[in-house]
Amino acid sequence: MGLLSWQQALTVCLVAIASSVVLRRRLRRVAAILLEISILAGLFAAWQLAQLISRSGAADAFARARWIERFQHTLRLPSEHWMQHLVLGHPDLVRAENLYYAMAHFNGMGIFLLWLFFRHRDRYPAVRTTMAVSTGVCLLVAFLPVAPPRLLPGYVDTAARYGQSVYGAGLNVDELSAMPSVHVLWAVLIGWYVVRVSGSRWRFLALLYPVATVFVVVSTANHWWLDGIVAVLILVAAAWGQVGLRRMWSAWRAKANRPPTVVSLVDATPVPGPAVTKDGHGPVG
């Protein structure tokens, strides 16, 4: 069974929004969950649309991939060839990496969002917004197709070699949306916010997740180093942008709710001079 098409995902999004509106008074918790489902379904629909558009530019996708390869060499970044040589001699490790690439992405984000929603509800809106905005920006960038390393000569498509490729499993997944890497984006987001939000002394182990993800996506030749770097820059911009907007909004609300300053039109300070009668006809005495 394949993934949802963009039409199906959009339908789920709209139905979830309508259901959330209907249930918001009687079942607030259910309505809140449905609203979150609508956001995720909307992002998924946008992702599918971005893939449909990127498929039309295959020639440009390979040209951009070769440019990225040359640019990374200029930056002295480690070669994806070198990363692949580290693992290709270990078939069991490669199979585990392929399974990780196929399964950890959506499942990891789903588990993280559920944990955040039910255990740290006060932090959920900000983190979810950061995830949604950064993912949305990545989808906009993905409208410019980029081929992953595994489709270029000299690289090994590890998933295809061992019959584990999601691209040959009937899934609606585009192969030319390598830039930027949403795998890396989500993994870094999860690792960072688990450390920030959780009070557990084991929380720093969550940082192993983005490290493992970067290693897997590069050594399996599913992404360039630059795909992950751009994704992290987008995440940082989205997180800091949200903080800045929230501060501006708070300052504006504080200013708007500030009571107006009352200026007295009557000066109570005595003024030297002759007294005036109540009828205002002249001085007294």
Foldseek 3Di string as FASTA:
>chain_A
DADDELVRLQVLLVVLQVVLVVCCVPPVVSSVVSNLSSLVSNLVSLLNVLQVLQVVPVVQQAVVQVVLQVVCVVVVHDDLLVLQVVPVVPLVVLVVLLVCVVPCQVVVLVVLLVCCCPPVVVCNVLLSQLLSQLSVVLSVVLNNWHAFQCVDPPAPQSCVVVVNDPVPPPYSDHRGRQAAPVSLLSLVSSLVVQVVPDPDPCSNVSNVRSVSSLSSCSNNRSHDPVNNVVSVVSSVCSSVVVVVVVVVVVVVVVVVPDDDDDDDPDDPDDDDDFDADPVRPDGDD
